[in-house]
Amino acid sequence: MDMYRERIPFESALTRITPLDFWLQTYVNVEEEAILECLSLSDGCDFTFYYRDLTLAVQGSLSKDKLSQWRAVKDGARTLLERWMVR
């Protein structure tokens, strides 16, 4: 955690962690295993969602204005993954 200056509670159960590189805005939810990284000069954010029970991680992008909807994106990705899985 030395590379982060501060941790700030953010909307939608996210915590913003501010790295020393101020061009990057990082948001996390440790309990739900989500990491979202947004570049200051970009309109988008990259995310990584972890699904330990499925032993999978999903990476993708979403628009900054949809950041508050990250849970719906994570839930939708889970639904899609579960439909594709062969049991």
PDB file of N, CA and C in Angstrom:
ATOM      1  N   MET A   1       0.816  -1.193   0.000  1.00  0.00           N
ATOM      2  CA  MET A   1       0.000   0.000   0.000  1.00  0.00           C
ATOM      3  C   MET A   1       0.863   1.262   0.000  1.00  0.00           C
ATOM      4  N   ASP A   2       2.166   1.118   0.015  1.00  0.00           N
ATOM      5  CA  ASP A   2       3.028   2.300   0.009  1.00  0.00           C
ATOM      6  C   ASP A   2       2.876   3.129  -1.253  1.00  0.00           C
ATOM      7  N   MET A   3       2.412   2.488  -2.342  1.00  0.00           N
ATOM      8  CA  MET A   3       2.302   3.231  -3.594  1.00  0.00           C
ATOM      9  C   MET A   3       1.033   4.079  -3.651  1.00  0.00           C
ATOM     10  N   TYR A   4       0.195   4.018  -2.612  1.00  0.00           N
ATOM     11  CA  TYR A   4      -1.038   4.794  -2.579  1.00  0.00           C
ATOM     12  C   TYR A   4      -0.962   5.869  -1.508  1.00  0.00           C
ATOM     13  N   ARG A   5      -1.424   7.051  -1.860  1.00  0.00           N
ATOM     14  CA  ARG A   5      -1.391   8.166  -0.927  1.00  0.00           C
ATOM     15  C   ARG A   5      -2.563   8.134   0.039  1.00  0.00           C
ATOM     16  N   GLU A   6      -3.746   7.793  -0.462  1.00  0.00           N
ATOM     17  CA  GLU A   6      -4.928   7.873   0.383  1.00  0.00           C
ATOM     18  C   GLU A   6      -6.013   6.930  -0.106  1.00  0.00           C
ATOM     19  N   ARG A   7      -6.954   6.665   0.770  1.00  0.00           N
ATOM     20  CA  ARG A   7      -8.128   5.861   0.436  1.00  0.00           C
ATOM     21  C   ARG A   7      -9.358   6.681   0.778  1.00  0.00           C
ATOM     22  N   ILE A   8     -10.239   6.880  -0.208  1.00  0.00           N
ATOM     23  CA  ILE A   8     -11.406   7.740  -0.051  1.00  0.00           C
ATOM     24  C   ILE A   8     -12.658   6.935  -0.373  1.00  0.00           C
ATOM     25  N   PRO A   9     -13.629   6.868   0.556  1.00  0.00           N
ATOM     26  CA  PRO A   9     -14.889   6.200   0.218  1.00  0.00           C
ATOM     27  C   PRO A   9     -15.527   6.885  -0.992  1.00  0.00           C
ATOM     28  N   PHE A  10     -16.081   6.073  -1.889  1.00  0.00           N
ATOM     29  CA  PHE A  10     -16.667   6.575  -3.123  1.00  0.00           C
ATOM     30  C   PHE A  10     -18.058   5.974  -3.258  1.00  0.00           C
ATOM     31  N   GLU A  11     -18.839   6.481  -4.168  1.00  0.00           N
ATOM     32  CA  GLU A  11     -20.205   5.987  -4.368  1.00  0.00           C
ATOM     33  C   GLU A  11     -20.233   4.530  -4.797  1.00  0.00           C
ATOM     34  N   SER A  12     -21.371   3.907  -4.625  1.00  0.00           N
ATOM     35  CA  SER A  12     -21.626   2.532  -5.082  1.00  0.00           C
ATOM     36  C   SER A  12     -20.693   1.499  -4.455  1.00  0.00           C
ATOM     37  N   ALA A  13     -20.400   1.677  -3.172  1.00  0.00           N
ATOM     38  CA  ALA A  13     -19.584   0.723  -2.408  1.00  0.00           C
ATOM     39  C   ALA A  13     -18.159   0.590  -2.927  1.00  0.00           C
ATOM     40  N   LEU A  14     -17.661   1.594  -3.607  1.00  0.00           N
ATOM     41  CA  LEU A  14     -16.277   1.587  -4.066  1.00  0.00           C
ATOM     42  C   LEU A  14     -15.423   2.457  -3.153  1.00  0.00           C
ATOM     43  N   THR A  15     -14.152   2.158  -3.106  1.00  0.00           N
ATOM     44  CA  THR A  15     -13.178   2.992  -2.409  1.00  0.00           C
ATOM     45  C   THR A  15     -12.184   3.468  -3.444  1.00  0.00           C
ATOM     46  N   ARG A  16     -11.957   4.764  -3.472  1.00  0.00           N
ATOM     47  CA  ARG A  16     -10.965   5.304  -4.410  1.00  0.00           C
ATOM     48  C   ARG A  16      -9.620   5.299  -3.707  1.00  0.00           C
ATOM     49  N   ILE A  17      -8.666   4.665  -4.328  1.00  0.00           N
ATOM     50  CA  ILE A  17      -7.307   4.696  -3.810  1.00  0.00           C
ATOM     51  C   ILE A  17      -6.482   5.528  -4.782  1.00  0.00           C
ATOM     52  N   THR A  18      -5.795   6.479  -4.246  1.00  0.00           N
ATOM     53  CA  THR A  18      -5.066   7.425  -5.086  1.00  0.00           C
ATOM     54  C   THR A  18      -3.596   7.023  -5.159  1.00  0.00           C
ATOM     55  N   PRO A  19      -3.157   6.561  -6.323  1.00  0.00           N
ATOM     56  CA  PRO A  19      -1.737   6.221  -6.466  1.00  0.00           C
ATOM     57  C   PRO A  19      -0.902   7.488  -6.590  1.00  0.00           C
ATOM     58  N   LEU A  20       0.378   7.325  -6.445  1.00  0.00           N
ATOM     59  CA  LEU A  20       1.278   8.467  -6.575  1.00  0.00           C
ATOM     60  C   LEU A  20       1.220   9.065  -7.978  1.00  0.00           C
ATOM     61  N   ASP A  21       0.880   8.253  -8.959  1.00  0.00           N
ATOM     62  CA  ASP A  21       0.683   8.731 -10.330  1.00  0.00           C
ATOM     63  C   ASP A  21      -0.731   9.294 -10.430  1.00  0.00           C
ATOM     64  N   PHE A  22      -0.867  10.610 -10.407  1.00  0.00           N
ATOM     65  CA  PHE A  22      -2.200  11.217 -10.349  1.00  0.00           C
ATOM     66  C   PHE A  22      -2.971  11.104 -11.661  1.00  0.00           C
ATOM     67  N   TRP A  23      -2.389  10.553 -12.707  1.00  0.00           N
ATOM     68  CA  TRP A  23      -3.105  10.361 -13.973  1.00  0.00           C
ATOM     69  C   TRP A  23      -4.054   9.169 -13.909  1.00  0.00           C
ATOM     70  N   LEU A  24      -3.873   8.343 -12.899  1.00  0.00           N
ATOM     71  CA  LEU A  24      -4.663   7.131 -12.776  1.00  0.00           C
ATOM     72  C   LEU A  24      -5.565   7.216 -11.543  1.00  0.00           C
ATOM     73  N   GLN A  25      -6.844   6.932 -11.728  1.00  0.00           N
ATOM     74  CA  GLN A  25      -7.787   6.869 -10.617  1.00  0.00           C
ATOM     75  C   GLN A  25      -8.182   5.403 -10.464  1.00  0.00           C
ATOM     76  N   THR A  26      -7.925   4.845  -9.301  1.00  0.00           N
ATOM     77  CA  THR A  26      -8.204   3.436  -9.055  1.00  0.00           C
ATOM     78  C   THR A  26      -9.311   3.314  -8.017  1.00  0.00           C
ATOM     79  N   TYR A  27     -10.297   2.472  -8.338  1.00  0.00           N
ATOM     80  CA  TYR A  27     -11.422   2.222  -7.446  1.00  0.00           C
ATOM     81  C   TYR A  27     -11.460   0.735  -7.153  1.00  0.00           C
ATOM     82  N   VAL A  28     -11.707   0.385  -5.895  1.00  0.00           N
ATOM     83  CA  VAL A  28     -11.742  -1.026  -5.518  1.00  0.00           C
ATOM     84  C   VAL A  28     -12.944  -1.320  -4.624  1.00  0.00           C
ATOM     85  N   ASN A  29     -13.346  -2.562  -4.667  1.00  0.00           N
ATOM     86  CA  ASN A  29     -14.259  -3.114  -3.677  1.00  0.00           C
ATOM     87  C   ASN A  29     -13.646  -4.455  -3.312  1.00  0.00           C
ATOM     88  N   VAL A  30     -13.007  -4.500  -2.159  1.00  0.00           N
ATOM     89  CA  VAL A  30     -12.252  -5.679  -1.747  1.00  0.00           C
ATOM     90  C   VAL A  30     -13.184  -6.862  -1.502  1.00  0.00           C
ATOM     91  N   GLU A  31     -14.303  -6.633  -0.836  1.00  0.00           N
ATOM     92  CA  GLU A  31     -15.225  -7.724  -0.518  1.00  0.00           C
ATOM     93  C   GLU A  31     -15.776  -8.390  -1.774  1.00  0.00           C
ATOM     94  N   GLU A  32     -16.063  -7.606  -2.797  1.00  0.00           N
ATOM     95  CA  GLU A  32     -16.640  -8.154  -4.026  1.00  0.00           C
ATOM     96  C   GLU A  32     -15.588  -8.355  -5.117  1.00  0.00           C
ATOM     97  N   GLU A  33     -14.342  -8.170  -4.757  1.00  0.00           N
ATOM     98  CA  GLU A  33     -13.206  -8.430  -5.634  1.00  0.00           C
ATOM     99  C   GLU A  33     -13.322  -7.745  -6.994  1.00  0.00           C
ATOM    100  N   ALA A  34     -13.388  -6.433  -6.929  1.00  0.00           N
ATOM    101  CA  ALA A  34     -13.484  -5.625  -8.142  1.00  0.00           C
ATOM    102  C   ALA A  34     -12.428  -4.525  -8.108  1.00  0.00           C
ATOM    103  N   ILE A  35     -11.778  -4.326  -9.250  1.00  0.00           N
ATOM    104  CA  ILE A  35     -10.800  -3.250  -9.417  1.00  0.00           C
ATOM    105  C   ILE A  35     -11.159  -2.510 -10.700  1.00  0.00           C
ATOM    106  N   LEU A  36     -11.271  -1.183 -10.601  1.00  0.00           N
ATOM    107  CA  LEU A  36     -11.565  -0.360 -11.781  1.00  0.00           C
ATOM    108  C   LEU A  36     -10.523   0.751 -11.842  1.00  0.00           C
ATOM    109  N   GLU A  37      -9.891   0.907 -12.993  1.00  0.00           N
ATOM    110  CA  GLU A  37      -8.857   1.918 -13.176  1.00  0.00           C
ATOM    111  C   GLU A  37      -9.243   2.854 -14.307  1.00  0.00           C
ATOM    112  N   CYS A  38      -9.208   4.152 -14.010  1.00  0.00           N
ATOM    113  CA  CYS A  38      -9.611   5.163 -14.979  1.00  0.00           C
ATOM    114  C   CYS A  38      -8.457   6.145 -15.182  1.00  0.00           C
ATOM    115  N   LEU A  39      -8.114   6.396 -16.426  1.00  0.00           N
ATOM    116  CA  LEU A  39      -7.120   7.420 -16.720  1.00  0.00           C
ATOM    117  C   LEU A  39      -7.798   8.779 -16.693  1.00  0.00           C
ATOM    118  N   SER A  40      -7.138   9.760 -16.116  1.00  0.00           N
ATOM    119  CA  SER A  40      -7.727  11.092 -15.969  1.00  0.00           C
ATOM    120  C   SER A  40      -8.156  11.713 -17.290  1.00  0.00           C
ATOM    121  N   LEU A  41      -7.402  11.501 -18.344  1.00  0.00           N
ATOM    122  CA  LEU A  41      -7.698  12.146 -19.622  1.00  0.00           C
ATOM    123  C   LEU A  41      -8.557  11.289 -20.541  1.00  0.00           C
ATOM    124  N   SER A  42      -9.091  10.182 -20.019  1.00  0.00           N
ATOM    125  CA  SER A  42      -9.872   9.256 -20.817  1.00  0.00           C
ATOM    126  C   SER A  42     -11.325   9.253 -20.359  1.00  0.00           C
ATOM    127  N   ASP A  43     -12.213   8.824 -21.242  1.00  0.00           N
ATOM    128  CA  ASP A  43     -13.632   8.707 -20.887  1.00  0.00           C
ATOM    129  C   ASP A  43     -13.977   7.315 -20.386  1.00  0.00           C
ATOM    130  N   GLY A  44     -13.009   6.415 -20.367  1.00  0.00           N
ATOM    131  CA  GLY A  44     -13.297   5.032 -20.008  1.00  0.00           C
ATOM    132  C   GLY A  44     -12.502   4.547 -18.817  1.00  0.00           C
ATOM    133  N   CYS A  45     -12.945   3.407 -18.308  1.00  0.00           N
ATOM    134  CA  CYS A  45     -12.273   2.737 -17.196  1.00  0.00           C
ATOM    135  C   CYS A  45     -12.090   1.265 -17.554  1.00  0.00           C
ATOM    136  N   ASP A  46     -10.958   0.722 -17.166  1.00  0.00           N
ATOM    137  CA  ASP A  46     -10.714  -0.708 -17.324  1.00  0.00           C
ATOM    138  C   ASP A  46     -11.051  -1.382 -16.006  1.00  0.00           C
ATOM    139  N   PHE A  47     -11.648  -2.564 -16.093  1.00  0.00           N
ATOM    140  CA  PHE A  47     -11.994  -3.268 -14.862  1.00  0.00           C
ATOM    141  C   PHE A  47     -11.458  -4.684 -14.886  1.00  0.00           C
ATOM    142  N   THR A  48     -11.285  -5.202 -13.679  1.00  0.00           N
ATOM    143  CA  THR A  48     -11.008  -6.615 -13.470  1.00  0.00           C
ATOM    144  C   THR A  48     -11.944  -7.072 -12.369  1.00  0.00           C
ATOM    145  N   PHE A  49     -12.750  -8.073 -12.674  1.00  0.00           N
ATOM    146  CA  PHE A  49     -13.657  -8.675 -11.712  1.00  0.00           C
ATOM    147  C   PHE A  49     -13.194 -10.108 -11.477  1.00  0.00           C
ATOM    148  N   TYR A  50     -13.100 -10.472 -10.217  1.00  0.00           N
ATOM    149  CA  TYR A  50     -12.677 -11.823  -9.857  1.00  0.00           C
ATOM    150  C   TYR A  50     -13.872 -12.633  -9.379  1.00  0.00           C
ATOM    151  N   TYR A  51     -13.935 -13.879  -9.824  1.00  0.00           N
ATOM    152  CA  TYR A  51     -14.968 -14.825  -9.414  1.00  0.00           C
ATOM    153  C   TYR A  51     -14.246 -16.061  -8.869  1.00  0.00           C
ATOM    154  N   ARG A  52     -13.909 -16.036  -7.600  1.00  0.00           N
ATOM    155  CA  ARG A  52     -13.130 -17.130  -7.002  1.00  0.00           C
ATOM    156  C   ARG A  52     -13.841 -18.469  -7.119  1.00  0.00           C
ATOM    157  N   ASP A  53     -15.154 -18.473  -6.916  1.00  0.00           N
ATOM    158  CA  ASP A  53     -15.878 -19.743  -6.970  1.00  0.00           C
ATOM    159  C   ASP A  53     -15.869 -20.356  -8.366  1.00  0.00           C
ATOM    160  N   LEU A  54     -15.702 -19.528  -9.386  1.00  0.00           N
ATOM    161  CA  LEU A  54     -15.620 -20.013 -10.759  1.00  0.00           C
ATOM    162  C   LEU A  54     -14.169 -20.165 -11.220  1.00  0.00           C
ATOM    163  N   THR A  55     -13.239 -19.753 -10.376  1.00  0.00           N
ATOM    164  CA  THR A  55     -11.805 -19.682 -10.685  1.00  0.00           C
ATOM    165  C   THR A  55     -11.559 -18.943 -12.003  1.00  0.00           C
ATOM    166  N   LEU A  56     -12.199 -17.780 -12.115  1.00  0.00           N
ATOM    167  CA  LEU A  56     -12.090 -16.941 -13.308  1.00  0.00           C
ATOM    168  C   LEU A  56     -11.940 -15.475 -12.932  1.00  0.00           C
ATOM    169  N   ALA A  57     -11.362 -14.732 -13.836  1.00  0.00           N
ATOM    170  CA  ALA A  57     -11.328 -13.273 -13.753  1.00  0.00           C
ATOM    171  C   ALA A  57     -11.764 -12.747 -15.116  1.00  0.00           C
ATOM    172  N   VAL A  58     -12.453 -11.632 -15.106  1.00  0.00           N
ATOM    173  CA  VAL A  58     -12.907 -11.011 -16.348  1.00  0.00           C
ATOM    174  C   VAL A  58     -12.347  -9.590 -16.392  1.00  0.00           C
ATOM    175  N   GLN A  59     -11.799  -9.236 -17.538  1.00  0.00           N
ATOM    176  CA  GLN A  59     -11.308  -7.881 -17.749  1.00  0.00           C
ATOM    177  C   GLN A  59     -12.090  -7.251 -18.886  1.00  0.00           C
ATOM    178  N   GLY A  60     -12.309  -5.955 -18.769  1.00  0.00           N
ATOM    179  CA  GLY A  60     -13.029  -5.238 -19.804  1.00  0.00           C
ATOM    180  C   GLY A  60     -12.965  -3.746 -19.565  1.00  0.00           C
ATOM    181  N   SER A  61     -13.813  -3.041 -20.263  1.00  0.00           N
ATOM    182  CA  SER A  61     -13.864  -1.574 -20.159  1.00  0.00           C
ATOM    183  C   SER A  61     -15.298  -1.117 -20.050  1.00  0.00           C
ATOM    184  N   LEU A  62     -15.464   0.013 -19.389  1.00  0.00           N
ATOM    185  CA  LEU A  62     -16.761   0.669 -19.355  1.00  0.00           C
ATOM    186  C   LEU A  62     -16.549   2.170 -19.312  1.00  0.00           C
ATOM    187  N   SER A  63     -17.557   2.896 -19.661  1.00  0.00           N
ATOM    188  CA  SER A  63     -17.494   4.347 -19.689  1.00  0.00           C
ATOM    189  C   SER A  63     -17.454   4.894 -18.265  1.00  0.00           C
ATOM    190  N   LYS A  64     -16.726   5.988 -18.047  1.00  0.00           N
ATOM    191  CA  LYS A  64     -16.642   6.601 -16.716  1.00  0.00           C
ATOM    192  C   LYS A  64     -18.010   6.961 -16.159  1.00  0.00           C
ATOM    193  N   ASP A  65     -18.921   7.379 -17.025  1.00  0.00           N
ATOM    194  CA  ASP A  65     -20.238   7.764 -16.522  1.00  0.00           C
ATOM    195  C   ASP A  65     -21.068   6.549 -16.096  1.00  0.00           C
ATOM    196  N   LYS A  66     -20.584   5.349 -16.348  1.00  0.00           N
ATOM    197  CA  LYS A  66     -21.253   4.110 -15.926  1.00  0.00           C
ATOM    198  C   LYS A  66     -20.558   3.477 -14.719  1.00  0.00           C
ATOM    199  N   LEU A  67     -19.603   4.171 -14.141  1.00  0.00           N
ATOM    200  CA  LEU A  67     -18.841   3.644 -13.019  1.00  0.00           C
ATOM    201  C   LEU A  67     -19.744   3.195 -11.869  1.00  0.00           C
ATOM    202  N   SER A  68     -20.789   3.933 -11.599  1.00  0.00           N
ATOM    203  CA  SER A  68     -21.688   3.578 -10.502  1.00  0.00           C
ATOM    204  C   SER A  68     -22.479   2.301 -10.784  1.00  0.00           C
ATOM    205  N   GLN A  69     -22.457   1.827 -12.024  1.00  0.00           N
ATOM    206  CA  GLN A  69     -23.190   0.611 -12.401  1.00  0.00           C
ATOM    207  C   GLN A  69     -22.280  -0.619 -12.492  1.00  0.00           C
ATOM    208  N   TRP A  70     -21.116  -0.542 -11.869  1.00  0.00           N
ATOM    209  CA  TRP A  70     -20.142  -1.618 -11.970  1.00  0.00           C
ATOM    210  C   TRP A  70     -20.706  -2.948 -11.489  1.00  0.00           C
ATOM    211  N   ARG A  71     -21.549  -2.937 -10.460  1.00  0.00           N
ATOM    212  CA  ARG A  71     -22.119  -4.198  -9.945  1.00  0.00           C
ATOM    213  C   ARG A  71     -22.993  -4.879 -10.990  1.00  0.00           C
ATOM    214  N   ALA A  72     -23.787  -4.085 -11.711  1.00  0.00           N
ATOM    215  CA  ALA A  72     -24.645  -4.664 -12.752  1.00  0.00           C
ATOM    216  C   ALA A  72     -23.787  -5.287 -13.850  1.00  0.00           C
ATOM    217  N   VAL A  73     -22.677  -4.649 -14.179  1.00  0.00           N
ATOM    218  CA  VAL A  73     -21.762  -5.191 -15.184  1.00  0.00           C
ATOM    219  C   VAL A  73     -21.145  -6.499 -14.670  1.00  0.00           C
ATOM    220  N   LYS A  74     -20.721  -6.497 -13.410  1.00  0.00           N
ATOM    221  CA  LYS A  74     -20.128  -7.712 -12.835  1.00  0.00           C
ATOM    222  C   LYS A  74     -21.153  -8.841 -12.775  1.00  0.00           C
ATOM    223  N   ASP A  75     -22.360  -8.550 -12.348  1.00  0.00           N
ATOM    224  CA  ASP A  75     -23.411  -9.568 -12.284  1.00  0.00           C
ATOM    225  C   ASP A  75     -23.760 -10.102 -13.673  1.00  0.00           C
ATOM    226  N   GLY A  76     -23.821  -9.207 -14.659  1.00  0.00           N
ATOM    227  CA  GLY A  76     -24.114  -9.618 -16.028  1.00  0.00           C
ATOM    228  C   GLY A  76     -23.021 -10.505 -16.599  1.00  0.00           C
ATOM    229  N   ALA A  77     -21.774 -10.176 -16.281  1.00  0.00           N
ATOM    230  CA  ALA A  77     -20.657 -11.008 -16.746  1.00  0.00           C
ATOM    231  C   ALA A  77     -20.732 -12.392 -16.104  1.00  0.00           C
ATOM    232  N   ARG A  78     -21.092 -12.447 -14.830  1.00  0.00           N
ATOM    233  CA  ARG A  78     -21.234 -13.743 -14.150  1.00  0.00           C
ATOM    234  C   ARG A  78     -22.318 -14.586 -14.817  1.00  0.00           C
ATOM    235  N   THR A  79     -23.446 -13.974 -15.104  1.00  0.00           N
ATOM    236  CA  THR A  79     -24.544 -14.691 -15.760  1.00  0.00           C
ATOM    237  C   THR A  79     -24.080 -15.258 -17.096  1.00  0.00           C
ATOM    238  N   LEU A  80     -23.393 -14.438 -17.876  1.00  0.00           N
ATOM    239  CA  LEU A  80     -22.888 -14.882 -19.166  1.00  0.00           C
ATOM    240  C   LEU A  80     -21.899 -16.035 -19.010  1.00  0.00           C
ATOM    241  N   LEU A  81     -20.972 -15.914 -18.068  1.00  0.00           N
ATOM    242  CA  LEU A  81     -19.993 -16.975 -17.830  1.00  0.00           C
ATOM    243  C   LEU A  81     -20.670 -18.279 -17.429  1.00  0.00           C
ATOM    244  N   GLU A  82     -21.631 -18.193 -16.532  1.00  0.00           N
ATOM    245  CA  GLU A  82     -22.311 -19.400 -16.072  1.00  0.00           C
ATOM    246  C   GLU A  82     -23.088 -20.083 -17.200  1.00  0.00           C
ATOM    247  N   ARG A  83     -23.633 -19.314 -18.118  1.00  0.00           N
ATOM    248  CA  ARG A  83     -24.349 -19.901 -19.255  1.00  0.00           C
ATOM    249  C   ARG A  83     -23.410 -20.595 -20.229  1.00  0.00           C
ATOM    250  N   TRP A  84     -22.170 -20.126 -20.323  1.00  0.00           N
ATOM    251  CA  TRP A  84     -21.198 -20.723 -21.219  1.00  0.00           C
ATOM    252  C   TRP A  84     -20.511 -21.946 -20.636  1.00  0.00           C
ATOM    253  N   MET A  85     -20.527 -22.072 -19.311  1.00  0.00           N
ATOM    254  CA  MET A  85     -19.796 -23.162 -18.665  1.00  0.00           C
ATOM    255  C   MET A  85     -20.430 -24.513 -18.974  1.00  0.00           C
ATOM    256  N   VAL A  86     -19.569 -25.486 -19.208  1.00  0.00           N
ATOM    257  CA  VAL A  86     -20.026 -26.855 -19.414  1.00  0.00           C
ATOM    258  C   VAL A  86     -19.939 -27.565 -18.068  1.00  0.00           C
ATOM    259  N   ARG A  87     -21.018 -28.163 -17.659  1.00  0.00           N
ATOM    260  CA  ARG A  87     -21.041 -28.852 -16.361  1.00  0.00           C
ATOM    261  C   ARG A  87     -21.175 -30.323 -16.547  1.00  0.00           C
TER     262      ARG A  87
END
